[in-house]
């Protein structure tokens, strides 16, 4: 499973409305803004390229 698939399939209810960074199918950072999460990732994982995404407040259904 890649990072995007992990993001789509995981229960991220604890992170609703927040930004998360996902690397190797794990949430490695979270915060209220993209900048906050990006800075954490750059500091702790400088050579890695995780997926950064905002966990939506409502679920979108695509038909």
Protein backbone atom coordinates (compact mmCIF):
# COMPACT_ATOMS: atom_id res chain seq x y z
CA UNK A 1 0.00 0.00 0.00
CA UNK A 2 1.40 3.42 -0.88
CA UNK A 3 1.01 6.57 1.22
CA UNK A 4 -2.01 7.86 -0.73
CA UNK A 5 -3.83 4.54 -0.45
CA UNK A 6 -3.10 4.58 3.30
CA UNK A 7 -4.58 8.09 3.49
CA UNK A 8 -7.73 7.07 1.62
CA UNK A 9 -8.35 3.78 3.44
CA UNK A 10 -7.37 4.64 7.03
CA UNK A 11 -9.61 5.86 9.81
CA UNK A 12 -8.20 9.32 10.41
CA UNK A 13 -11.04 10.47 12.65
CA UNK A 14 -8.58 11.77 15.27
CA UNK A 15 -7.14 14.15 12.67
CA UNK A 16 -10.32 15.68 11.16
CA UNK A 17 -9.65 19.23 9.98
CA UNK A 18 -5.88 18.88 10.42
CA UNK A 19 -2.96 18.42 8.06
CA UNK A 20 -1.08 15.13 8.26
CA UNK A 21 2.21 13.86 6.85
CA UNK A 22 2.27 10.19 5.89
CA UNK A 23 5.44 8.21 5.27
CA UNK A 24 5.71 4.43 4.91
CA UNK A 25 2.03 4.04 5.85
CA UNK A 26 2.41 5.92 9.12
CA UNK A 27 1.40 9.39 10.25
CA UNK A 28 4.68 11.06 11.11
CA UNK A 29 3.36 14.57 11.83
CA UNK A 30 0.11 16.47 12.18
CA UNK A 31 -0.93 20.05 12.76
CA UNK A 32 -3.39 22.81 12.01
CA UNK A 33 -1.55 24.23 8.99
CA UNK A 34 0.40 22.97 6.02
CA UNK A 35 3.36 25.12 7.04
CA UNK A 36 3.44 23.69 10.56
CA UNK A 37 3.45 20.10 9.30
CA UNK A 38 5.97 20.81 6.53
CA UNK A 39 8.37 22.39 9.03
CA UNK A 40 8.09 19.37 11.36
CA UNK A 41 8.78 17.00 8.48
CA UNK A 42 11.73 19.05 7.18
CA UNK A 43 13.27 19.06 10.65
CA UNK A 44 12.71 15.41 11.57
CA UNK A 45 12.83 13.74 8.13
CA UNK A 46 14.96 16.07 5.96
CA UNK A 47 15.65 13.61 3.13
CA UNK A 48 12.18 12.07 2.94
CA UNK A 49 9.22 13.05 0.75
CA UNK A 50 6.03 12.15 2.64
CA UNK A 51 2.48 12.75 1.49
CA UNK A 52 1.02 15.90 3.06
CA UNK A 53 -2.76 16.10 3.04
CA UNK A 54 -5.60 17.73 4.91
CA UNK A 55 -8.10 15.38 6.52
CA UNK A 56 -11.52 16.62 5.42
CA UNK A 57 -14.25 17.43 7.91
CA UNK A 58 -16.92 15.71 5.84
CA UNK A 59 -16.70 12.55 3.82
CA UNK A 60 -17.06 12.97 0.07
CA UNK A 61 -18.81 10.21 -1.81
CA UNK A 62 -17.78 9.73 -5.41
CA UNK A 63 -20.18 7.81 -7.57
